[in-house]
Every structure is written in C-alpha cells, then in structure tokens.
Amino acid sequence: QIQLHESGGESVQPGASLTLACITSGGTINNYHMGWFRRTPTTDLEFVASINYRGDTTFYGDSVKGRFTISRDNAKNTVYLQMTGLKLEDTSVYSCAADIVVAPNARYSESYFRNPAQYDYWGLGTPVTVSS
C-alpha cells in the first residue's frame, strides 16, 4: 500500500503564497484519485481540492476557489497544492489523501471527491499558519 508524505507547510502572513507537496511511496499514484483536506479547530475534515487519476478533472472547496490550484506529476508520484492569497482562516493542518480507482472509465461526481470517506490512504498532514 502507498504512504503519503506532505511537506511545505509553514507560518506566513496574510496574502502570502505557499505550495504544498504530497509525495507518495510504496507505489505509483497513477491509479489513484488524489485530494487535499484540512482540519480546523471548529470543523471536521474540510474538502480543499481534488484531482482525478488522469489529471483532467479538478474540484475545489468553495472557500479556496480561485486561490488554490491542485496539480499532479505522476512521474514524480507527487501531488501539489498551490495556495495564493492566503487568509487567516486558511490556518489548518493540510492532509493529502488517495482513493484507489476501481472503475477507470466511470464518471465521478464532485460530491464523490468531496467525501473524505471515499479516500483509502491519508498522510499525517503539514501545518499551515497564517497570521499577521
């Protein structure tokens, strides 16, 4: 089974940009949909972004649309989350997750990717702190 390792989190000021990386080991990510979630003090896991295994479909949480971009490099077994215009409320621990693709030709709805229960493997997360 694959292991997920996030990196790139740090403390920044509002308006700053950061890029998080999720590197996998123990297997290739070619057959996995990938997602980013975050956990805040007042909520459970919040969907941030997802990218399908082909890399041609992405979805974003409402609070990050237009500011965050998810991408993947299957050759490097890495998924990225580019974050711009960071806000105080983006402070959280960001975790990446992998979902095994069992039906490569199926059409997956946005609600599918938003559901953390769909994901099979999780990293431990990397903390992002936005403060002035």
Foldseek 3Di string as FASTA:
>chain_A
DKAWAKDWADEDAAQAKTKMKIAIPPDFQLQWKKFKWWDDPVDGTFGAKIAGSVRPDMDGDPVQPPFWDWGDDRVRRMIMIIGGRDDQVVWTWMKMFIAGHPDVPDDDDPVCRRDPVRTDYMYPTDTHGYDD
